[in-house]
Amino acid sequence: MTTLMEQETLGERFRVGDGAAMHELYERYSAPMYATALTLLGNREHAADAVQRAFVQAWRAADRFDPARELKPWLYAITRRAAVDIYRRERRTQQQLTFDQATETVVTDAPNIVAVWQAGQVQAALERLRPGERQVLRLAYYEGLTQSEIAQALGVPIGTVKSRTARAQRRLAALLAHLRDT
């Protein structure tokens, strides 16, 4: 933990443009600033970008920093503003599709008749499975749970989950054998 005197000294060194002080600030505060940005943005790359921008902005404003103030809240405020700017930029970028991009997305993402038919066949086959078998497949493939998580969610032993999964996969493969040639 830094003492107030060390904080003032570091703040004063930073204010006058000491590169070593900037390095020390980075070593001390970059990880918690990154955690703050990651919490706000939910994206590692954007969080790293926010921290980098925050340090650049802090360095540019170093001569206006009051060394009597604490560095940590000042740096966190800059980090939050940088994260908000990145969030707004990304949101704007995602919303600004050209007509050609939107048309291309619609055309390339449109399902073909065979894919629609196959999806219907899979749904019909799933409906023919026993409820317990259908449930473990749904939890594994649609909800992304592991076998241990499924066992816990259903309140059954993991061996039961494994046997239901294996049985359901065999039955589903048999029910969908006609799709192998399409």
N, C-alpha and C. Protein backbone atom coordinates (compact mmCIF):
# COMPACT_ATOMS: atom_id res chain seq x y z
N MET A 1 0.85 -1.18 0.00
CA MET A 1 0.00 0.00 0.00
C MET A 1 0.89 1.24 0.00
N THR A 2 0.56 2.20 -0.82
CA THR A 2 1.37 3.42 -0.90
C THR A 2 0.94 4.41 0.16
N THR A 3 1.90 5.12 0.66
CA THR A 3 1.60 6.16 1.64
C THR A 3 1.20 7.42 0.90
N LEU A 4 0.60 8.35 1.61
CA LEU A 4 0.18 9.61 1.00
C LEU A 4 1.38 10.37 0.46
N MET A 5 2.53 10.30 1.16
CA MET A 5 3.73 11.01 0.70
C MET A 5 4.22 10.41 -0.62
N GLU A 6 4.24 9.07 -0.70
CA GLU A 6 4.65 8.42 -1.95
C GLU A 6 3.70 8.80 -3.08
N GLN A 7 2.41 8.86 -2.75
CA GLN A 7 1.39 9.23 -3.74
C GLN A 7 1.64 10.64 -4.25
N GLU A 8 1.91 11.58 -3.34
CA GLU A 8 2.16 12.96 -3.74
C GLU A 8 3.42 13.05 -4.58
N THR A 9 4.44 12.32 -4.20
CA THR A 9 5.69 12.34 -4.95
C THR A 9 5.47 11.79 -6.35
N LEU A 10 4.79 10.67 -6.45
CA LEU A 10 4.50 10.09 -7.75
C LEU A 10 3.64 11.05 -8.57
N GLY A 11 2.64 11.65 -7.94
CA GLY A 11 1.77 12.60 -8.63
C GLY A 11 2.54 13.81 -9.14
N GLU A 12 3.46 14.30 -8.34
CA GLU A 12 4.27 15.46 -8.75
C GLU A 12 5.20 15.07 -9.89
N ARG A 13 5.84 13.92 -9.77
CA ARG A 13 6.73 13.45 -10.85
C ARG A 13 5.94 13.26 -12.14
N PHE A 14 4.74 12.71 -12.03
CA PHE A 14 3.89 12.52 -13.20
C PHE A 14 3.52 13.86 -13.82
N ARG A 15 3.15 14.82 -12.95
CA ARG A 15 2.71 16.14 -13.42
C ARG A 15 3.79 16.86 -14.22
N VAL A 16 5.05 16.68 -13.85
CA VAL A 16 6.14 17.36 -14.55
C VAL A 16 6.65 16.58 -15.76
N GLY A 17 5.99 15.42 -16.06
CA GLY A 17 6.34 14.70 -17.28
C GLY A 17 7.42 13.66 -17.13
N ASP A 18 7.63 13.15 -15.94
CA ASP A 18 8.64 12.11 -15.70
C ASP A 18 8.14 10.79 -16.29
N GLY A 19 8.86 10.29 -17.29
CA GLY A 19 8.49 9.04 -17.94
C GLY A 19 8.52 7.85 -17.00
N ALA A 20 9.46 7.84 -16.06
CA ALA A 20 9.53 6.76 -15.09
C ALA A 20 8.28 6.74 -14.20
N ALA A 21 7.76 7.92 -13.90
CA ALA A 21 6.53 8.01 -13.10
C ALA A 21 5.36 7.43 -13.90
N MET A 22 5.33 7.71 -15.20
CA MET A 22 4.27 7.15 -16.04
C MET A 22 4.37 5.63 -16.06
N HIS A 23 5.57 5.11 -16.16
CA HIS A 23 5.77 3.67 -16.14
C HIS A 23 5.29 3.08 -14.81
N GLU A 24 5.62 3.76 -13.72
CA GLU A 24 5.19 3.30 -12.40
C GLU A 24 3.67 3.33 -12.27
N LEU A 25 3.05 4.38 -12.82
CA LEU A 25 1.58 4.44 -12.83
C LEU A 25 1.00 3.26 -13.58
N TYR A 26 1.59 2.97 -14.73
CA TYR A 26 1.10 1.86 -15.55
C TYR A 26 1.23 0.54 -14.78
N GLU A 27 2.38 0.32 -14.17
CA GLU A 27 2.60 -0.91 -13.42
C GLU A 27 1.60 -1.04 -12.26
N ARG A 28 1.31 0.06 -11.62
CA ARG A 28 0.46 0.05 -10.43
C ARG A 28 -1.02 -0.02 -10.77
N TYR A 29 -1.46 0.69 -11.81
CA TYR A 29 -2.90 0.87 -12.03
C TYR A 29 -3.47 0.23 -13.30
N SER A 30 -2.64 -0.28 -14.21
CA SER A 30 -3.19 -0.79 -15.46
C SER A 30 -4.12 -1.99 -15.26
N ALA A 31 -3.76 -2.91 -14.37
CA ALA A 31 -4.60 -4.10 -14.15
C ALA A 31 -5.97 -3.73 -13.57
N PRO A 32 -6.04 -2.90 -12.51
CA PRO A 32 -7.37 -2.54 -12.02
C PRO A 32 -8.16 -1.67 -13.00
N MET A 33 -7.45 -0.85 -13.79
CA MET A 33 -8.14 -0.05 -14.81
C MET A 33 -8.72 -0.98 -15.89
N TYR A 34 -7.96 -2.02 -16.24
CA TYR A 34 -8.42 -2.99 -17.22
C TYR A 34 -9.67 -3.71 -16.69
N ALA A 35 -9.65 -4.09 -15.43
CA ALA A 35 -10.81 -4.77 -14.82
C ALA A 35 -12.04 -3.87 -14.87
N THR A 36 -11.85 -2.59 -14.61
CA THR A 36 -12.96 -1.64 -14.67
C THR A 36 -13.50 -1.55 -16.09
N ALA A 37 -12.62 -1.42 -17.07
CA ALA A 37 -13.04 -1.30 -18.46
C ALA A 37 -13.71 -2.59 -18.93
N LEU A 38 -13.19 -3.73 -18.52
CA LEU A 38 -13.76 -5.02 -18.92
C LEU A 38 -15.17 -5.17 -18.34
N THR A 39 -15.35 -4.72 -17.11
CA THR A 39 -16.68 -4.77 -16.49
C THR A 39 -17.67 -3.91 -17.27
N LEU A 40 -17.22 -2.76 -17.71
CA LEU A 40 -18.10 -1.86 -18.44
C LEU A 40 -18.37 -2.33 -19.87
N LEU A 41 -17.36 -2.89 -20.53
CA LEU A 41 -17.48 -3.21 -21.96
C LEU A 41 -17.77 -4.69 -22.24
N GLY A 42 -17.32 -5.58 -21.36
CA GLY A 42 -17.55 -6.99 -21.58
C GLY A 42 -16.77 -7.58 -22.74
N ASN A 43 -15.71 -6.90 -23.16
CA ASN A 43 -14.91 -7.36 -24.30
C ASN A 43 -13.45 -7.07 -23.99
N ARG A 44 -12.62 -8.09 -24.02
CA ARG A 44 -11.21 -7.94 -23.63
C ARG A 44 -10.46 -6.95 -24.53
N GLU A 45 -10.68 -7.07 -25.82
CA GLU A 45 -9.97 -6.20 -26.77
C GLU A 45 -10.37 -4.74 -26.56
N HIS A 46 -11.66 -4.50 -26.39
CA HIS A 46 -12.13 -3.13 -26.17
C HIS A 46 -11.65 -2.60 -24.82
N ALA A 47 -11.59 -3.48 -23.81
CA ALA A 47 -11.11 -3.05 -22.49
C ALA A 47 -9.65 -2.64 -22.56
N ALA A 48 -8.83 -3.43 -23.26
CA ALA A 48 -7.42 -3.08 -23.42
C ALA A 48 -7.27 -1.76 -24.17
N ASP A 49 -8.10 -1.56 -25.18
CA ASP A 49 -8.09 -0.30 -25.93
C ASP A 49 -8.46 0.88 -25.01
N ALA A 50 -9.43 0.67 -24.15
CA ALA A 50 -9.85 1.74 -23.22
C ALA A 50 -8.72 2.11 -22.27
N VAL A 51 -8.00 1.13 -21.76
CA VAL A 51 -6.88 1.40 -20.85
C VAL A 51 -5.78 2.16 -21.58
N GLN A 52 -5.48 1.72 -22.78
CA GLN A 52 -4.45 2.41 -23.57
C GLN A 52 -4.85 3.87 -23.81
N ARG A 53 -6.09 4.08 -24.19
CA ARG A 53 -6.57 5.45 -24.42
C ARG A 53 -6.53 6.27 -23.14
N ALA A 54 -6.88 5.64 -22.03
CA ALA A 54 -6.89 6.35 -20.75
C ALA A 54 -5.48 6.82 -20.38
N PHE A 55 -4.49 5.97 -20.59
CA PHE A 55 -3.12 6.38 -20.27
C PHE A 55 -2.63 7.48 -21.21
N VAL A 56 -3.00 7.40 -22.46
CA VAL A 56 -2.61 8.46 -23.40
C VAL A 56 -3.25 9.78 -22.99
N GLN A 57 -4.54 9.73 -22.66
CA GLN A 57 -5.24 10.96 -22.23
C GLN A 57 -4.65 11.49 -20.93
N ALA A 58 -4.34 10.60 -20.00
CA ALA A 58 -3.74 11.03 -18.74
C ALA A 58 -2.39 11.69 -18.98
N TRP A 59 -1.58 11.10 -19.84
CA TRP A 59 -0.26 11.67 -20.14
C TRP A 59 -0.40 13.06 -20.76
N ARG A 60 -1.36 13.19 -21.66
CA ARG A 60 -1.58 14.50 -22.30
C ARG A 60 -2.05 15.55 -21.30
N ALA A 61 -2.76 15.12 -20.27
CA ALA A 61 -3.28 16.06 -19.27
C ALA A 61 -2.42 16.11 -18.01
N ALA A 62 -1.25 15.50 -18.03
CA ALA A 62 -0.40 15.40 -16.84
C ALA A 62 -0.07 16.77 -16.26
N ASP A 63 0.19 17.74 -17.10
CA ASP A 63 0.57 19.06 -16.59
C ASP A 63 -0.58 19.76 -15.85
N ARG A 64 -1.81 19.29 -16.06
CA ARG A 64 -2.96 19.88 -15.37
C ARG A 64 -3.37 19.08 -14.13
N PHE A 65 -2.68 17.97 -13.86
CA PHE A 65 -3.00 17.15 -12.70
C PHE A 65 -2.57 17.85 -11.42
N ASP A 66 -3.44 17.85 -10.43
CA ASP A 66 -3.13 18.43 -9.12
C ASP A 66 -2.56 17.33 -8.24
N PRO A 67 -1.24 17.39 -7.94
CA PRO A 67 -0.63 16.32 -7.15
C PRO A 67 -1.17 16.20 -5.73
N ALA A 68 -1.95 17.16 -5.28
CA ALA A 68 -2.57 17.06 -3.96
C ALA A 68 -3.74 16.06 -4.00
N ARG A 69 -4.25 15.80 -5.20
CA ARG A 69 -5.35 14.83 -5.37
C ARG A 69 -4.77 13.43 -5.50
N GLU A 70 -5.63 12.43 -5.33
CA GLU A 70 -5.20 11.04 -5.52
C GLU A 70 -5.22 10.69 -7.00
N LEU A 71 -4.23 9.93 -7.42
CA LEU A 71 -4.14 9.50 -8.82
C LEU A 71 -5.20 8.47 -9.18
N LYS A 72 -5.44 7.53 -8.29
CA LYS A 72 -6.31 6.39 -8.60
C LYS A 72 -7.71 6.82 -9.07
N PRO A 73 -8.45 7.64 -8.33
CA PRO A 73 -9.79 8.02 -8.80
C PRO A 73 -9.74 8.81 -10.11
N TRP A 74 -8.70 9.61 -10.28
CA TRP A 74 -8.55 10.41 -11.49
C TRP A 74 -8.34 9.48 -12.69
N LEU A 75 -7.47 8.48 -12.54
CA LEU A 75 -7.23 7.53 -13.62
C LEU A 75 -8.47 6.68 -13.91
N TYR A 76 -9.19 6.29 -12.88
CA TYR A 76 -10.40 5.48 -13.09
C TYR A 76 -11.46 6.29 -13.82
N ALA A 77 -11.58 7.57 -13.51
CA ALA A 77 -12.56 8.42 -14.20
C ALA A 77 -12.21 8.52 -15.69
N ILE A 78 -10.93 8.67 -15.99
CA ILE A 78 -10.50 8.73 -17.39
C ILE A 78 -10.78 7.40 -18.08
N THR A 79 -10.55 6.30 -17.38
CA THR A 79 -10.80 4.97 -17.93
C THR A 79 -12.28 4.78 -18.24
N ARG A 80 -13.13 5.18 -17.31
CA ARG A 80 -14.59 5.06 -17.54
C ARG A 80 -15.02 5.88 -18.75
N ARG A 81 -14.50 7.10 -18.88
CA ARG A 81 -14.87 7.93 -20.04
C ARG A 81 -14.38 7.29 -21.34
N ALA A 82 -13.17 6.73 -21.32
CA ALA A 82 -12.63 6.07 -22.52
C ALA A 82 -13.49 4.85 -22.87
N ALA A 83 -13.91 4.10 -21.87
CA ALA A 83 -14.76 2.92 -22.11
C ALA A 83 -16.10 3.33 -22.69
N VAL A 84 -16.69 4.39 -22.17
CA VAL A 84 -17.97 4.88 -22.70
C VAL A 84 -17.80 5.33 -24.15
N ASP A 85 -16.71 6.01 -24.45
CA ASP A 85 -16.45 6.44 -25.83
C ASP A 85 -16.34 5.23 -26.76
N ILE A 86 -15.64 4.20 -26.33
CA ILE A 86 -15.50 2.99 -27.15
C ILE A 86 -16.85 2.31 -27.32
N TYR A 87 -17.62 2.24 -26.26
CA TYR A 87 -18.95 1.63 -26.34
C TYR A 87 -19.80 2.36 -27.36
N ARG A 88 -19.81 3.67 -27.29
CA ARG A 88 -20.61 4.46 -28.24
C ARG A 88 -20.12 4.28 -29.66
N ARG A 89 -18.80 4.26 -29.86
CA ARG A 89 -18.24 4.07 -31.19
C ARG A 89 -18.65 2.72 -31.76
N GLU A 90 -18.54 1.68 -30.96
CA GLU A 90 -18.89 0.33 -31.41
C GLU A 90 -20.38 0.23 -31.72
N ARG A 91 -21.20 0.83 -30.89
CA ARG A 91 -22.64 0.79 -31.11
C ARG A 91 -23.00 1.51 -32.41
N ARG A 92 -22.36 2.65 -32.65
CA ARG A 92 -22.61 3.40 -33.89
C ARG A 92 -22.17 2.60 -35.11
N THR A 93 -21.00 1.96 -35.01
CA THR A 93 -20.48 1.16 -36.11
C THR A 93 -21.41 0.01 -36.43
N GLN A 94 -21.95 -0.64 -35.42
CA GLN A 94 -22.86 -1.76 -35.64
C GLN A 94 -24.18 -1.32 -36.25
N GLN A 95 -24.60 -0.10 -35.96
CA GLN A 95 -25.88 0.38 -36.46
C GLN A 95 -25.78 0.95 -37.86
N GLN A 96 -24.58 1.25 -38.36
CA GLN A 96 -24.43 1.93 -39.63
C GLN A 96 -24.08 0.96 -40.76
N LEU A 97 -24.99 0.08 -41.08
CA LEU A 97 -24.80 -0.79 -42.24
C LEU A 97 -25.31 -0.06 -43.48
N THR A 98 -24.58 -0.19 -44.56
CA THR A 98 -25.08 0.38 -45.81
C THR A 98 -26.18 -0.52 -46.33
N PHE A 99 -26.93 -0.01 -47.30
CA PHE A 99 -28.00 -0.80 -47.91
C PHE A 99 -27.44 -2.06 -48.53
N ASP A 100 -26.30 -1.93 -49.23
CA ASP A 100 -25.68 -3.10 -49.87
C ASP A 100 -25.26 -4.15 -48.84
N GLN A 101 -24.70 -3.71 -47.70
CA GLN A 101 -24.30 -4.65 -46.65
C GLN A 101 -25.52 -5.35 -46.08
N ALA A 102 -26.58 -4.60 -45.84
CA ALA A 102 -27.80 -5.18 -45.28
C ALA A 102 -28.40 -6.17 -46.26
N THR A 103 -28.44 -5.84 -47.54
CA THR A 103 -28.99 -6.73 -48.55
C THR A 103 -28.14 -7.99 -48.66
N GLU A 104 -26.82 -7.81 -48.64
CA GLU A 104 -25.91 -8.95 -48.73
C GLU A 104 -26.10 -9.88 -47.53
N THR A 105 -26.28 -9.31 -46.35
CA THR A 105 -26.49 -10.11 -45.15
C THR A 105 -27.78 -10.91 -45.26
N VAL A 106 -28.82 -10.25 -45.72
CA VAL A 106 -30.11 -10.93 -45.85
C VAL A 106 -30.01 -12.05 -46.87
N VAL A 107 -29.41 -11.76 -48.01
CA VAL A 107 -29.32 -12.75 -49.08
C VAL A 107 -28.45 -13.93 -48.68
N THR A 108 -27.28 -13.67 -48.09
CA THR A 108 -26.37 -14.78 -47.75
C THR A 108 -26.84 -15.55 -46.54
N ASP A 109 -27.61 -14.93 -45.65
CA ASP A 109 -28.05 -15.63 -44.46
C ASP A 109 -29.40 -16.31 -44.63
N ALA A 110 -30.04 -16.14 -45.75
CA ALA A 110 -31.35 -16.74 -45.97
C ALA A 110 -31.19 -18.26 -46.07
N PRO A 111 -32.00 -19.02 -45.31
CA PRO A 111 -31.88 -20.47 -45.37
C PRO A 111 -32.45 -21.00 -46.68
N ASN A 112 -31.87 -22.08 -47.18
CA ASN A 112 -32.42 -22.68 -48.39
C ASN A 112 -33.48 -23.71 -48.00
N ILE A 113 -34.23 -24.16 -48.95
CA ILE A 113 -35.35 -25.06 -48.68
C ILE A 113 -34.89 -26.39 -48.09
N VAL A 114 -33.72 -26.87 -48.50
CA VAL A 114 -33.19 -28.13 -47.96
C VAL A 114 -32.87 -27.97 -46.48
N ALA A 115 -32.24 -26.86 -46.11
CA ALA A 115 -31.90 -26.62 -44.70
C ALA A 115 -33.16 -26.53 -43.84
N VAL A 116 -34.20 -25.88 -44.37
CA VAL A 116 -35.46 -25.77 -43.62
C VAL A 116 -36.06 -27.16 -43.43
N TRP A 117 -36.07 -27.96 -44.49
CA TRP A 117 -36.62 -29.32 -44.41
C TRP A 117 -35.82 -30.16 -43.41
N GLN A 118 -34.47 -30.06 -43.46
CA GLN A 118 -33.64 -30.83 -42.54
C GLN A 118 -33.89 -30.43 -41.09
N ALA A 119 -34.04 -29.14 -40.86
CA ALA A 119 -34.32 -28.66 -39.50
C ALA A 119 -35.65 -29.23 -39.00
N GLY A 120 -36.62 -29.29 -39.87
CA GLY A 120 -37.92 -29.89 -39.52
C GLY A 120 -37.79 -31.37 -39.19
N GLN A 121 -36.95 -32.07 -39.96
CA GLN A 121 -36.72 -33.49 -39.71
C GLN A 121 -36.06 -33.71 -38.35
N VAL A 122 -35.09 -32.88 -38.03
CA VAL A 122 -34.41 -32.99 -36.73
C VAL A 122 -35.40 -32.72 -35.60
N GLN A 123 -36.23 -31.70 -35.77
CA GLN A 123 -37.23 -31.38 -34.74
C GLN A 123 -38.21 -32.54 -34.55
N ALA A 124 -38.66 -33.13 -35.63
CA ALA A 124 -39.59 -34.26 -35.55
C ALA A 124 -38.92 -35.46 -34.87
N ALA A 125 -37.65 -35.70 -35.19
CA ALA A 125 -36.92 -36.81 -34.56
C ALA A 125 -36.75 -36.56 -33.06
N LEU A 126 -36.44 -35.35 -32.70
CA LEU A 126 -36.29 -35.01 -31.27
C LEU A 126 -37.61 -35.26 -30.52
N GLU A 127 -38.72 -34.96 -31.15
CA GLU A 127 -40.03 -35.16 -30.51
C GLU A 127 -40.32 -36.64 -30.29
N ARG A 128 -39.70 -37.52 -31.07
CA ARG A 128 -39.93 -38.95 -30.94
C ARG A 128 -39.08 -39.59 -29.84
N LEU A 129 -38.12 -38.86 -29.30
CA LEU A 129 -37.29 -39.37 -28.21
C LEU A 129 -38.09 -39.38 -26.91
N ARG A 130 -37.64 -40.19 -25.96
CA ARG A 130 -38.25 -40.18 -24.63
C ARG A 130 -37.97 -38.82 -23.98
N PRO A 131 -38.85 -38.36 -23.11
CA PRO A 131 -38.67 -37.04 -22.49
C PRO A 131 -37.31 -36.86 -21.80
N GLY A 132 -36.83 -37.86 -21.07
CA GLY A 132 -35.53 -37.75 -20.38
C GLY A 132 -34.38 -37.64 -21.36
N GLU A 133 -34.47 -38.37 -22.48
CA GLU A 133 -33.43 -38.31 -23.51
C GLU A 133 -33.44 -36.95 -24.19
N ARG A 134 -34.63 -36.48 -24.53
CA ARG A 134 -34.77 -35.17 -25.17
C ARG A 134 -34.23 -34.06 -24.25
N GLN A 135 -34.50 -34.22 -22.96
CA GLN A 135 -34.07 -33.21 -21.99
C GLN A 135 -32.55 -33.12 -21.89
N VAL A 136 -31.84 -34.26 -21.85
CA VAL A 136 -30.39 -34.18 -21.74
C VAL A 136 -29.78 -33.61 -23.02
N LEU A 137 -30.34 -33.94 -24.18
CA LEU A 137 -29.82 -33.37 -25.43
C LEU A 137 -30.06 -31.86 -25.49
N ARG A 138 -31.24 -31.44 -25.05
CA ARG A 138 -31.54 -30.01 -25.05
C ARG A 138 -30.57 -29.25 -24.14
N LEU A 139 -30.35 -29.79 -22.95
CA LEU A 139 -29.45 -29.12 -22.01
C LEU A 139 -28.00 -29.11 -22.51
N ALA A 140 -27.59 -30.20 -23.17
CA ALA A 140 -26.21 -30.28 -23.66
C ALA A 140 -26.00 -29.43 -24.90
N TYR A 141 -26.87 -29.55 -25.88
CA TYR A 141 -26.61 -28.93 -27.18
C TYR A 141 -27.23 -27.54 -27.34
N TYR A 142 -28.35 -27.28 -26.69
CA TYR A 142 -28.98 -25.98 -26.83
C TYR A 142 -28.62 -25.02 -25.70
N GLU A 143 -28.38 -25.57 -24.51
CA GLU A 143 -28.06 -24.74 -23.36
C GLU A 143 -26.56 -24.73 -23.07
N GLY A 144 -25.81 -25.68 -23.67
CA GLY A 144 -24.37 -25.70 -23.52
C GLY A 144 -23.86 -26.20 -22.17
N LEU A 145 -24.67 -26.99 -21.46
CA LEU A 145 -24.25 -27.49 -20.16
C LEU A 145 -23.36 -28.72 -20.32
N THR A 146 -22.46 -28.91 -19.38
CA THR A 146 -21.64 -30.12 -19.35
C THR A 146 -22.47 -31.24 -18.73
N GLN A 147 -21.96 -32.47 -18.83
CA GLN A 147 -22.70 -33.58 -18.24
C GLN A 147 -22.82 -33.44 -16.73
N SER A 148 -21.80 -32.93 -16.09
CA SER A 148 -21.88 -32.71 -14.63
C SER A 148 -22.94 -31.68 -14.30
N GLU A 149 -23.00 -30.61 -15.09
CA GLU A 149 -24.00 -29.56 -14.85
C GLU A 149 -25.41 -30.10 -15.11
N ILE A 150 -25.56 -30.96 -16.12
CA ILE A 150 -26.87 -31.55 -16.41
C ILE A 150 -27.30 -32.43 -15.24
N ALA A 151 -26.38 -33.24 -14.73
CA ALA A 151 -26.68 -34.11 -13.59
C ALA A 151 -27.15 -33.28 -12.40
N GLN A 152 -26.46 -32.20 -12.16
CA GLN A 152 -26.83 -31.32 -11.04
C GLN A 152 -28.19 -30.67 -11.30
N ALA A 153 -28.42 -30.19 -12.53
CA ALA A 153 -29.68 -29.52 -12.85
C ALA A 153 -30.88 -30.47 -12.74
N LEU A 154 -30.68 -31.72 -13.15
CA LEU A 154 -31.78 -32.69 -13.12
C LEU A 154 -31.86 -33.44 -11.80
N GLY A 155 -30.82 -33.34 -10.99
CA GLY A 155 -30.80 -34.05 -9.71
C GLY A 155 -30.67 -35.56 -9.89
N VAL A 156 -29.89 -35.97 -10.90
CA VAL A 156 -29.67 -37.40 -11.16
C VAL A 156 -28.17 -37.66 -11.17
N PRO A 157 -27.77 -38.91 -11.00
CA PRO A 157 -26.33 -39.24 -11.06
C PRO A 157 -25.77 -38.98 -12.46
N ILE A 158 -24.48 -38.69 -12.52
CA ILE A 158 -23.84 -38.41 -13.81
C ILE A 158 -23.90 -39.63 -14.73
N GLY A 159 -23.87 -40.84 -14.17
CA GLY A 159 -24.00 -42.05 -14.97
C GLY A 159 -25.33 -42.10 -15.71
N THR A 160 -26.37 -41.62 -15.06
CA THR A 160 -27.70 -41.57 -15.70
C THR A 160 -27.68 -40.61 -16.87
N VAL A 161 -27.02 -39.47 -16.68
CA VAL A 161 -26.91 -38.49 -17.76
C VAL A 161 -26.15 -39.08 -18.94
N LYS A 162 -25.06 -39.77 -18.64
CA LYS A 162 -24.25 -40.36 -19.71
C LYS A 162 -25.02 -41.43 -20.47
N SER A 163 -25.73 -42.27 -19.76
CA SER A 163 -26.47 -43.33 -20.46
C SER A 163 -27.64 -42.75 -21.26
N ARG A 164 -28.35 -41.78 -20.71
CA ARG A 164 -29.44 -41.14 -21.46
C ARG A 164 -28.91 -40.45 -22.71
N THR A 165 -27.75 -39.79 -22.57
CA THR A 165 -27.17 -39.08 -23.71
C THR A 165 -26.77 -40.06 -24.81
N ALA A 166 -26.10 -41.13 -24.43
CA ALA A 166 -25.67 -42.13 -25.42
C ALA A 166 -26.87 -42.77 -26.10
N ARG A 167 -27.89 -43.14 -25.32
CA ARG A 167 -29.10 -43.75 -25.88
C ARG A 167 -29.82 -42.77 -26.82
N ALA A 168 -29.90 -41.51 -26.39
CA ALA A 168 -30.58 -40.50 -27.22
C ALA A 168 -29.83 -40.26 -28.53
N GLN A 169 -28.51 -40.23 -28.46
CA GLN A 169 -27.72 -40.01 -29.68
C GLN A 169 -27.88 -41.19 -30.65
N ARG A 170 -27.89 -42.41 -30.12
CA ARG A 170 -28.09 -43.58 -30.99
C ARG A 170 -29.46 -43.55 -31.65
N ARG A 171 -30.48 -43.28 -30.86
CA ARG A 171 -31.85 -43.24 -31.40
C ARG A 171 -31.99 -42.11 -32.41
N LEU A 172 -31.41 -40.96 -32.11
CA LEU A 172 -31.48 -39.83 -33.03
C LEU A 172 -30.76 -40.14 -34.34
N ALA A 173 -29.61 -40.77 -34.26
CA ALA A 173 -28.87 -41.15 -35.46
C ALA A 173 -29.70 -42.10 -36.32
N ALA A 174 -30.38 -43.05 -35.69
CA ALA A 174 -31.22 -43.98 -36.44
C ALA A 174 -32.41 -43.26 -37.08
N LEU A 175 -33.02 -42.36 -36.32
CA LEU A 175 -34.18 -41.63 -36.84
C LEU A 175 -33.82 -40.67 -37.97
N LEU A 176 -32.55 -40.23 -38.00
CA LEU A 176 -32.12 -39.25 -39.01
C LEU A 176 -31.21 -39.87 -40.07
N ALA A 177 -31.15 -41.19 -40.13
CA ALA A 177 -30.26 -41.86 -41.09
C ALA A 177 -30.57 -41.44 -42.53
N HIS A 178 -31.82 -41.15 -42.81
CA HIS A 178 -32.21 -40.75 -44.18
C HIS A 178 -31.63 -39.40 -44.60
N LEU A 179 -31.12 -38.63 -43.67
CA LEU A 179 -30.54 -37.32 -44.00
C LEU A 179 -29.08 -37.41 -44.44
N ARG A 180 -28.44 -38.53 -44.23
CA ARG A 180 -27.02 -38.66 -44.58
C ARG A 180 -26.78 -38.46 -46.07
N ASP A 181 -27.71 -38.79 -46.90
CA ASP A 181 -27.54 -38.69 -48.35
C ASP A 181 -27.94 -37.32 -48.90
N THR A 182 -28.52 -36.45 -48.08
CA THR A 182 -28.96 -35.14 -48.59
C THR A 182 -27.92 -34.08 -48.38
